[in-house]
Amino acid sequence: MTIEQKLIRLYHWTRYAVALIWLWTALVSWFFYPQAESIDWLRRLGLNYATQTLLLLACLFDAAMGVSTIFFASKYLWRLQIVVVILYSLAIAIALPAFFLHPFGPLIKNIAVIACLAFLSLIENVKLKCQRI
């Protein structure tokens, strides 16, 4: 197997892993995690109006990111997701600092997610260049 083939294989594994993260987050946030606690977190972020609706919209957005990751891969999607992960992380680190200092590192792990998204974006660029030749 060539290095190019290995990179493409890693690209697909990474892509589906990122999709799983988005879809799992949406599913767990809406169906399994106590919504009252999630709504309290939204309020601590300063979002005090229609919090149940905001939670639903956030879950739908996360699900849309997961579906897009599977069916609409592009360098623009990866870059959008990097921005979203950074914004989510900053908002949580500022408004909910316990997550920043949590021993399981739910926020610090986003650095690895951002690295995966950067890899996907990079490979997307390489794929585009190869298609033009």
C-alpha atoms as a PDB file:
ATOM      1  CA  MET A   1       0.000   0.000   0.000  1.00  0.00           C
ATOM      2  CA  THR A   2       1.418   3.407  -0.968  1.00  0.00           C
ATOM      3  CA  ILE A   3       1.685   6.363   1.394  1.00  0.00           C
ATOM      4  CA  GLU A   4      -1.038   8.096  -0.622  1.00  0.00           C
ATOM      5  CA  GLN A   5      -3.357   5.125  -0.136  1.00  0.00           C
ATOM      6  CA  LYS A   6      -2.579   5.088   3.589  1.00  0.00           C
ATOM      7  CA  LEU A   7      -3.310   8.817   3.862  1.00  0.00           C
ATOM      8  CA  ILE A   8      -6.616   8.418   2.037  1.00  0.00           C
ATOM      9  CA  ARG A   9      -7.540   5.533   4.340  1.00  0.00           C
ATOM     10  CA  LEU A  10      -6.644   7.685   7.373  1.00  0.00           C
ATOM     11  CA  TYR A  11      -8.654  10.543   5.850  1.00  0.00           C
ATOM     12  CA  HIS A  12     -11.781   8.364   5.738  1.00  0.00           C
ATOM     13  CA  TRP A  13     -11.269   6.952   9.249  1.00  0.00           C
ATOM     14  CA  THR A  14     -10.769  10.479  10.590  1.00  0.00           C
ATOM     15  CA  ARG A  15     -13.771  11.791   8.692  1.00  0.00           C
ATOM     16  CA  TYR A  16     -16.101   9.120  10.071  1.00  0.00           C
ATOM     17  CA  ALA A  17     -14.687   9.531  13.577  1.00  0.00           C
ATOM     18  CA  VAL A  18     -15.436  13.268  13.434  1.00  0.00           C
ATOM     19  CA  ALA A  19     -18.938  12.498  12.112  1.00  0.00           C
ATOM     20  CA  LEU A  20     -19.467  10.133  15.036  1.00  0.00           C
ATOM     21  CA  ILE A  21     -18.446  12.827  17.517  1.00  0.00           C
ATOM     22  CA  TRP A  22     -20.980  15.305  16.084  1.00  0.00           C
ATOM     23  CA  LEU A  23     -23.789  12.735  15.841  1.00  0.00           C
ATOM     24  CA  TRP A  24     -23.096  11.244  19.269  1.00  0.00           C
ATOM     25  CA  THR A  25     -23.082  14.705  20.837  1.00  0.00           C
ATOM     26  CA  ALA A  26     -26.449  15.539  19.259  1.00  0.00           C
ATOM     27  CA  LEU A  27     -28.012  12.217  20.248  1.00  0.00           C
ATOM     28  CA  VAL A  28     -26.757  12.178  23.824  1.00  0.00           C
ATOM     29  CA  SER A  29     -27.483  15.867  24.400  1.00  0.00           C
ATOM     30  CA  TRP A  30     -31.106  15.565  23.356  1.00  0.00           C
ATOM     31  CA  PHE A  31     -32.094  12.048  24.395  1.00  0.00           C
ATOM     32  CA  PHE A  32     -29.895  10.852  27.241  1.00  0.00           C
ATOM     33  CA  TYR A  33     -28.210  13.672  29.155  1.00  0.00           C
ATOM     34  CA  PRO A  34     -30.413  15.509  31.683  1.00  0.00           C
ATOM     35  CA  GLN A  35     -31.823  18.425  29.683  1.00  0.00           C
ATOM     36  CA  ALA A  36     -32.317  20.479  32.848  1.00  0.00           C
ATOM     37  CA  GLU A  37     -28.556  20.485  33.370  1.00  0.00           C
ATOM     38  CA  SER A  38     -27.880  21.422  29.748  1.00  0.00           C
ATOM     39  CA  ILE A  39     -30.406  24.245  30.001  1.00  0.00           C
ATOM     40  CA  ASP A  40     -28.692  25.470  33.169  1.00  0.00           C
ATOM     41  CA  TRP A  41     -25.396  25.552  31.249  1.00  0.00           C
ATOM     42  CA  LEU A  42     -27.034  27.583  28.482  1.00  0.00           C
ATOM     43  CA  ARG A  43     -28.264  30.048  31.087  1.00  0.00           C
ATOM     44  CA  ARG A  44     -24.759  30.309  32.559  1.00  0.00           C
ATOM     45  CA  LEU A  45     -23.606  31.167  29.038  1.00  0.00           C
ATOM     46  CA  GLY A  46     -26.038  34.099  29.170  1.00  0.00           C
ATOM     47  CA  LEU A  47     -28.735  32.465  27.023  1.00  0.00           C
ATOM     48  CA  ASN A  48     -31.861  32.918  29.128  1.00  0.00           C
ATOM     49  CA  TYR A  49     -34.646  32.981  26.559  1.00  0.00           C
ATOM     50  CA  ALA A  50     -36.176  29.889  24.903  1.00  0.00           C
ATOM     51  CA  THR A  51     -33.454  27.658  26.290  1.00  0.00           C
ATOM     52  CA  GLN A  52     -35.298  24.428  25.423  1.00  0.00           C
ATOM     53  CA  THR A  53     -35.509  25.605  21.814  1.00  0.00           C
ATOM     54  CA  LEU A  54     -31.852  26.665  21.848  1.00  0.00           C
ATOM     55  CA  LEU A  55     -30.864  23.237  23.118  1.00  0.00           C
ATOM     56  CA  LEU A  56     -32.887  21.602  20.335  1.00  0.00           C
ATOM     57  CA  LEU A  57     -31.302  23.895  17.730  1.00  0.00           C
ATOM     58  CA  ALA A  58     -27.818  23.127  19.065  1.00  0.00           C
ATOM     59  CA  CYS A  59     -28.537  19.386  18.835  1.00  0.00           C
ATOM     60  CA  LEU A  60     -29.901  19.763  15.301  1.00  0.00           C
ATOM     61  CA  PHE A  61     -26.848  21.822  14.335  1.00  0.00           C
ATOM     62  CA  ASP A  62     -24.508  19.155  15.733  1.00  0.00           C
ATOM     63  CA  ALA A  63     -26.471  16.450  13.873  1.00  0.00           C
ATOM     64  CA  ALA A  64     -26.249  18.506  10.674  1.00  0.00           C
ATOM     65  CA  MET A  65     -22.487  18.784  11.119  1.00  0.00           C
ATOM     66  CA  GLY A  66     -22.292  15.001  11.485  1.00  0.00           C
ATOM     67  CA  VAL A  67     -24.415  14.306   8.426  1.00  0.00           C
ATOM     68  CA  SER A  68     -22.487  16.924   6.430  1.00  0.00           C
ATOM     69  CA  THR A  69     -19.244  15.262   7.452  1.00  0.00           C
ATOM     70  CA  ILE A  70     -20.442  11.988   5.946  1.00  0.00           C
ATOM     71  CA  PHE A  71     -22.063  13.289   2.767  1.00  0.00           C
ATOM     72  CA  PHE A  72     -20.628  16.735   1.983  1.00  0.00           C
ATOM     73  CA  ALA A  73     -16.927  16.629   2.794  1.00  0.00           C
ATOM     74  CA  SER A  74     -15.033  19.753   1.759  1.00  0.00           C
ATOM     75  CA  LYS A  75     -12.238  21.978   2.980  1.00  0.00           C
ATOM     76  CA  TYR A  76     -14.880  24.623   3.745  1.00  0.00           C
ATOM     77  CA  LEU A  77     -16.791  22.228   5.996  1.00  0.00           C
ATOM     78  CA  TRP A  78     -13.622  21.319   7.909  1.00  0.00           C
ATOM     79  CA  ARG A  79     -12.731  24.982   8.346  1.00  0.00           C
ATOM     80  CA  LEU A  80     -16.262  25.814   9.507  1.00  0.00           C
ATOM     81  CA  GLN A  81     -16.059  22.989  12.035  1.00  0.00           C
ATOM     82  CA  ILE A  82     -12.706  24.257  13.325  1.00  0.00           C
ATOM     83  CA  VAL A  83     -14.292  27.661  13.943  1.00  0.00           C
ATOM     84  CA  VAL A  84     -17.332  26.085  15.632  1.00  0.00           C
ATOM     85  CA  VAL A  85     -15.191  23.890  17.914  1.00  0.00           C
ATOM     86  CA  ILE A  86     -13.035  26.892  18.879  1.00  0.00           C
ATOM     87  CA  LEU A  87     -16.107  29.050  19.597  1.00  0.00           C
ATOM     88  CA  TYR A  88     -17.816  26.282  21.601  1.00  0.00           C
ATOM     89  CA  SER A  89     -14.595  25.706  23.551  1.00  0.00           C
ATOM     90  CA  LEU A  90     -14.020  29.383  24.310  1.00  0.00           C
ATOM     91  CA  ALA A  91     -17.608  29.930  25.422  1.00  0.00           C
ATOM     92  CA  ILE A  92     -17.497  26.906  27.705  1.00  0.00           C
ATOM     93  CA  ALA A  93     -14.046  27.729  29.090  1.00  0.00           C
ATOM     94  CA  ILE A  94     -15.184  31.249  29.987  1.00  0.00           C
ATOM     95  CA  ALA A  95     -18.706  30.573  31.254  1.00  0.00           C
ATOM     96  CA  LEU A  96     -18.183  27.066  32.660  1.00  0.00           C
ATOM     97  CA  PRO A  97     -14.543  26.999  33.827  1.00  0.00           C
ATOM     98  CA  ALA A  98     -15.026  23.712  35.681  1.00  0.00           C
ATOM     99  CA  PHE A  99     -14.949  22.008  32.274  1.00  0.00           C
ATOM    100  CA  PHE A 100     -11.606  23.617  31.481  1.00  0.00           C
ATOM    101  CA  LEU A 101     -10.130  22.215  34.678  1.00  0.00           C
ATOM    102  CA  HIS A 102     -12.017  18.903  34.607  1.00  0.00           C
ATOM    103  CA  PRO A 103      -9.654  15.915  35.083  1.00  0.00           C
ATOM    104  CA  PHE A 104     -11.188  14.061  32.092  1.00  0.00           C
ATOM    105  CA  GLY A 105     -10.348  17.059  29.895  1.00  0.00           C
ATOM    106  CA  PRO A 106     -13.575  17.501  27.901  1.00  0.00           C
ATOM    107  CA  LEU A 107     -12.335  20.841  26.555  1.00  0.00           C
ATOM    108  CA  ILE A 108      -8.661  20.085  26.121  1.00  0.00           C
ATOM    109  CA  LYS A 109      -9.601  17.105  23.933  1.00  0.00           C
ATOM    110  CA  ASN A 110     -10.948  19.601  21.428  1.00  0.00           C
ATOM    111  CA  ILE A 111      -7.337  20.317  20.500  1.00  0.00           C
ATOM    112  CA  ALA A 112      -7.178  16.797  19.047  1.00  0.00           C
ATOM    113  CA  VAL A 113     -10.486  17.344  17.249  1.00  0.00           C
ATOM    114  CA  ILE A 114      -9.136  20.563  15.737  1.00  0.00           C
ATOM    115  CA  ALA A 115      -5.990  18.708  14.646  1.00  0.00           C
ATOM    116  CA  CYS A 116      -8.165  16.050  12.967  1.00  0.00           C
ATOM    117  CA  LEU A 117     -10.176  18.736  11.184  1.00  0.00           C
ATOM    118  CA  ALA A 118      -6.970  20.457  10.053  1.00  0.00           C
ATOM    119  CA  PHE A 119      -5.743  17.110   8.674  1.00  0.00           C
ATOM    120  CA  LEU A 120      -9.030  16.640   6.799  1.00  0.00           C
ATOM    121  CA  SER A 121      -8.750  20.119   5.338  1.00  0.00           C
ATOM    122  CA  LEU A 122      -5.151  19.523   4.289  1.00  0.00           C
ATOM    123  CA  ILE A 123      -5.955  16.223   2.579  1.00  0.00           C
ATOM    124  CA  GLU A 124      -8.951  17.856   0.878  1.00  0.00           C
ATOM    125  CA  ASN A 125      -6.549  20.414  -0.610  1.00  0.00           C
ATOM    126  CA  VAL A 126      -4.185  17.650  -1.779  1.00  0.00           C
ATOM    127  CA  LYS A 127      -7.094  15.742  -3.342  1.00  0.00           C
ATOM    128  CA  LEU A 128      -8.165  18.877  -5.234  1.00  0.00           C
ATOM    129  CA  LYS A 129      -4.645  19.444  -6.583  1.00  0.00           C
ATOM    130  CA  CYS A 130      -4.372  15.814  -7.709  1.00  0.00           C
ATOM    131  CA  GLN A 131      -7.714  16.034  -9.535  1.00  0.00           C
ATOM    132  CA  ARG A 132      -6.537  19.076 -11.547  1.00  0.00           C
ATOM    133  CA  ILE A 133      -3.490  17.248 -12.907  1.00  0.00           C
END
